[in-house]
Protein backbone atom coordinates (compact mmCIF):
# COMPACT_ATOMS: atom_id res chain seq x y z
CA UNK A 1 0.00 0.00 0.00
CA UNK A 2 1.47 3.33 -1.09
CA UNK A 3 1.34 6.38 1.14
CA UNK A 4 -1.53 8.78 0.29
CA UNK A 5 -0.66 11.94 -1.63
CA UNK A 6 -2.67 15.02 -2.58
CA UNK A 7 -4.69 14.70 -5.77
CA UNK A 8 -2.88 17.78 -7.07
CA UNK A 9 0.45 15.91 -6.76
CA UNK A 10 -0.65 13.01 -8.98
CA UNK A 11 1.27 12.81 -12.27
CA UNK A 12 -0.59 13.46 -15.54
CA UNK A 13 -1.99 10.16 -16.80
CA UNK A 14 -1.67 8.49 -13.39
CA UNK A 15 -4.57 7.04 -11.44
CA UNK A 16 -5.33 6.82 -7.76
CA UNK A 17 -8.05 5.81 -5.34
CA UNK A 18 -9.52 8.46 -3.05
CA UNK A 19 -8.69 7.67 0.58
CA UNK A 20 -9.74 10.66 2.70
CA UNK A 21 -11.01 14.24 3.02
CA UNK A 22 -10.81 16.72 5.85
CA UNK A 23 -14.04 16.15 7.75
CA UNK A 24 -15.32 19.62 8.63
CA UNK A 25 -14.26 21.67 5.63
CA UNK A 26 -17.01 23.18 3.42
CA UNK A 27 -14.89 22.49 0.32
CA UNK A 28 -14.87 18.77 1.05
CA UNK A 29 -18.68 18.71 1.17
CA UNK A 30 -18.82 20.32 -2.28
CA UNK A 31 -16.26 17.85 -3.63
CA UNK A 32 -18.32 14.89 -2.35
CA UNK A 33 -21.41 16.35 -4.02
CA UNK A 34 -19.45 16.27 -7.32
CA UNK A 35 -18.80 12.53 -6.94
CA UNK A 36 -15.39 12.49 -5.25
CA UNK A 37 -16.07 9.82 -2.64
CA UNK A 38 -13.73 7.58 -0.66
CA UNK A 39 -12.94 4.49 -2.74
CA UNK A 40 -13.50 6.20 -6.10
CA UNK A 41 -10.79 5.73 -8.73
CA UNK A 42 -9.64 8.97 -10.41
CA UNK A 43 -7.22 9.69 -13.25
CA UNK A 44 -5.46 13.01 -13.76
CA UNK A 45 -6.07 13.73 -17.46
CA UNK A 46 -4.21 17.04 -17.82
CA UNK A 47 -3.37 20.34 -16.23
CA UNK A 48 -3.72 23.82 -17.64
CA UNK A 49 -0.51 25.46 -18.94
CA UNK A 50 0.04 27.31 -15.66
CA UNK A 51 -0.92 24.26 -13.55
CA UNK A 52 -4.41 25.37 -12.57
CA UNK A 53 -7.09 24.00 -13.06
CA UNK A 54 -6.70 20.23 -13.22
CA UNK A 55 -8.87 17.92 -15.32
CA UNK A 56 -9.65 14.56 -13.74
CA UNK A 57 -11.69 11.61 -14.95
CA UNK A 58 -13.93 9.73 -12.54
CA UNK A 59 -17.13 7.70 -12.75
CA UNK A 60 -17.22 8.07 -16.56
CA UNK A 61 -17.01 11.87 -16.78
CA UNK A 62 -14.38 14.61 -16.77
CA UNK A 63 -14.26 17.21 -14.01
CA UNK A 64 -12.14 20.36 -13.75
CA UNK A 65 -10.94 21.32 -10.28
CA UNK A 66 -8.91 24.19 -8.94
CA UNK A 67 -5.57 23.04 -7.62
CA UNK A 68 -6.47 24.45 -4.21
CA UNK A 69 -9.56 22.19 -4.10
CA UNK A 70 -7.57 19.15 -5.27
CA UNK A 71 -5.22 19.71 -2.32
CA UNK A 72 -8.05 18.61 0.01
CA UNK A 73 -8.32 15.14 -1.59
CA UNK A 74 -5.84 12.45 -0.53
CA UNK A 75 -5.39 9.58 -2.98
CA UNK A 76 -3.47 6.33 -2.92
CA UNK A 77 -1.58 6.04 -6.21
CA UNK A 78 -2.68 3.02 -8.25
CA UNK A 79 -0.27 0.76 -10.06
C-alpha atoms as a PDB file:
ATOM      1  CA  UNK A   1       0.000   0.000   0.000  1.00  0.00           C
ATOM      2  CA  UNK A   2       1.469   3.333  -1.094  1.00  0.00           C
ATOM      3  CA  UNK A   3       1.336   6.384   1.141  1.00  0.00           C
ATOM      4  CA  UNK A   4      -1.528   8.777   0.286  1.00  0.00           C
ATOM      5  CA  UNK A   5      -0.658  11.939  -1.634  1.00  0.00           C
ATOM      6  CA  UNK A   6      -2.671  15.020  -2.577  1.00  0.00           C
ATOM      7  CA  UNK A   7      -4.695  14.702  -5.771  1.00  0.00           C
ATOM      8  CA  UNK A   8      -2.878  17.779  -7.067  1.00  0.00           C
ATOM      9  CA  UNK A   9       0.454  15.912  -6.761  1.00  0.00           C
ATOM     10  CA  UNK A  10      -0.647  13.007  -8.978  1.00  0.00           C
ATOM     11  CA  UNK A  11       1.271  12.808 -12.273  1.00  0.00           C
ATOM     12  CA  UNK A  12      -0.588  13.462 -15.540  1.00  0.00           C
ATOM     13  CA  UNK A  13      -1.990  10.163 -16.802  1.00  0.00           C
ATOM     14  CA  UNK A  14      -1.669   8.487 -13.389  1.00  0.00           C
ATOM     15  CA  UNK A  15      -4.567   7.038 -11.435  1.00  0.00           C
ATOM     16  CA  UNK A  16      -5.330   6.818  -7.764  1.00  0.00           C
ATOM     17  CA  UNK A  17      -8.054   5.807  -5.338  1.00  0.00           C
ATOM     18  CA  UNK A  18      -9.516   8.461  -3.053  1.00  0.00           C
ATOM     19  CA  UNK A  19      -8.692   7.668   0.578  1.00  0.00           C
ATOM     20  CA  UNK A  20      -9.742  10.660   2.703  1.00  0.00           C
ATOM     21  CA  UNK A  21     -11.011  14.238   3.021  1.00  0.00           C
ATOM     22  CA  UNK A  22     -10.811  16.724   5.846  1.00  0.00           C
ATOM     23  CA  UNK A  23     -14.037  16.146   7.754  1.00  0.00           C
ATOM     24  CA  UNK A  24     -15.318  19.618   8.627  1.00  0.00           C
ATOM     25  CA  UNK A  25     -14.256  21.669   5.626  1.00  0.00           C
ATOM     26  CA  UNK A  26     -17.013  23.182   3.415  1.00  0.00           C
ATOM     27  CA  UNK A  27     -14.895  22.492   0.316  1.00  0.00           C
ATOM     28  CA  UNK A  28     -14.875  18.772   1.048  1.00  0.00           C
ATOM     29  CA  UNK A  29     -18.679  18.715   1.168  1.00  0.00           C
ATOM     30  CA  UNK A  30     -18.822  20.321  -2.276  1.00  0.00           C
ATOM     31  CA  UNK A  31     -16.257  17.848  -3.629  1.00  0.00           C
ATOM     32  CA  UNK A  32     -18.320  14.894  -2.350  1.00  0.00           C
ATOM     33  CA  UNK A  33     -21.405  16.345  -4.023  1.00  0.00           C
ATOM     34  CA  UNK A  34     -19.447  16.272  -7.323  1.00  0.00           C
ATOM     35  CA  UNK A  35     -18.800  12.532  -6.943  1.00  0.00           C
ATOM     36  CA  UNK A  36     -15.389  12.488  -5.252  1.00  0.00           C
ATOM     37  CA  UNK A  37     -16.074   9.819  -2.641  1.00  0.00           C
ATOM     38  CA  UNK A  38     -13.732   7.582  -0.657  1.00  0.00           C
ATOM     39  CA  UNK A  39     -12.944   4.493  -2.739  1.00  0.00           C
ATOM     40  CA  UNK A  40     -13.500   6.202  -6.105  1.00  0.00           C
ATOM     41  CA  UNK A  41     -10.786   5.732  -8.735  1.00  0.00           C
ATOM     42  CA  UNK A  42      -9.643   8.974 -10.406  1.00  0.00           C
ATOM     43  CA  UNK A  43      -7.224   9.694 -13.247  1.00  0.00           C
ATOM     44  CA  UNK A  44      -5.460  13.010 -13.759  1.00  0.00           C
ATOM     45  CA  UNK A  45      -6.067  13.731 -17.456  1.00  0.00           C
ATOM     46  CA  UNK A  46      -4.215  17.036 -17.820  1.00  0.00           C
ATOM     47  CA  UNK A  47      -3.369  20.343 -16.227  1.00  0.00           C
ATOM     48  CA  UNK A  48      -3.724  23.825 -17.645  1.00  0.00           C
ATOM     49  CA  UNK A  49      -0.511  25.461 -18.939  1.00  0.00           C
ATOM     50  CA  UNK A  50       0.045  27.306 -15.655  1.00  0.00           C
ATOM     51  CA  UNK A  51      -0.920  24.260 -13.552  1.00  0.00           C
ATOM     52  CA  UNK A  52      -4.407  25.369 -12.574  1.00  0.00           C
ATOM     53  CA  UNK A  53      -7.091  24.001 -13.061  1.00  0.00           C
ATOM     54  CA  UNK A  54      -6.696  20.226 -13.218  1.00  0.00           C
ATOM     55  CA  UNK A  55      -8.865  17.916 -15.320  1.00  0.00           C
ATOM     56  CA  UNK A  56      -9.654  14.560 -13.743  1.00  0.00           C
ATOM     57  CA  UNK A  57     -11.690  11.612 -14.948  1.00  0.00           C
ATOM     58  CA  UNK A  58     -13.927   9.730 -12.542  1.00  0.00           C
ATOM     59  CA  UNK A  59     -17.133   7.702 -12.755  1.00  0.00           C
ATOM     60  CA  UNK A  60     -17.222   8.071 -16.563  1.00  0.00           C
ATOM     61  CA  UNK A  61     -17.007  11.869 -16.778  1.00  0.00           C
ATOM     62  CA  UNK A  62     -14.377  14.608 -16.768  1.00  0.00           C
ATOM     63  CA  UNK A  63     -14.258  17.208 -14.009  1.00  0.00           C
ATOM     64  CA  UNK A  64     -12.140  20.358 -13.747  1.00  0.00           C
ATOM     65  CA  UNK A  65     -10.943  21.321 -10.278  1.00  0.00           C
ATOM     66  CA  UNK A  66      -8.914  24.185  -8.937  1.00  0.00           C
ATOM     67  CA  UNK A  67      -5.571  23.041  -7.615  1.00  0.00           C
ATOM     68  CA  UNK A  68      -6.468  24.453  -4.205  1.00  0.00           C
ATOM     69  CA  UNK A  69      -9.558  22.188  -4.097  1.00  0.00           C
ATOM     70  CA  UNK A  70      -7.566  19.151  -5.272  1.00  0.00           C
ATOM     71  CA  UNK A  71      -5.216  19.707  -2.320  1.00  0.00           C
ATOM     72  CA  UNK A  72      -8.050  18.608   0.008  1.00  0.00           C
ATOM     73  CA  UNK A  73      -8.316  15.142  -1.587  1.00  0.00           C
ATOM     74  CA  UNK A  74      -5.837  12.451  -0.528  1.00  0.00           C
ATOM     75  CA  UNK A  75      -5.395   9.582  -2.980  1.00  0.00           C
ATOM     76  CA  UNK A  76      -3.474   6.328  -2.916  1.00  0.00           C
ATOM     77  CA  UNK A  77      -1.575   6.043  -6.207  1.00  0.00           C
ATOM     78  CA  UNK A  78      -2.682   3.016  -8.245  1.00  0.00           C
ATOM     79  CA  UNK A  79      -0.274   0.760 -10.055  1.00  0.00           C
END
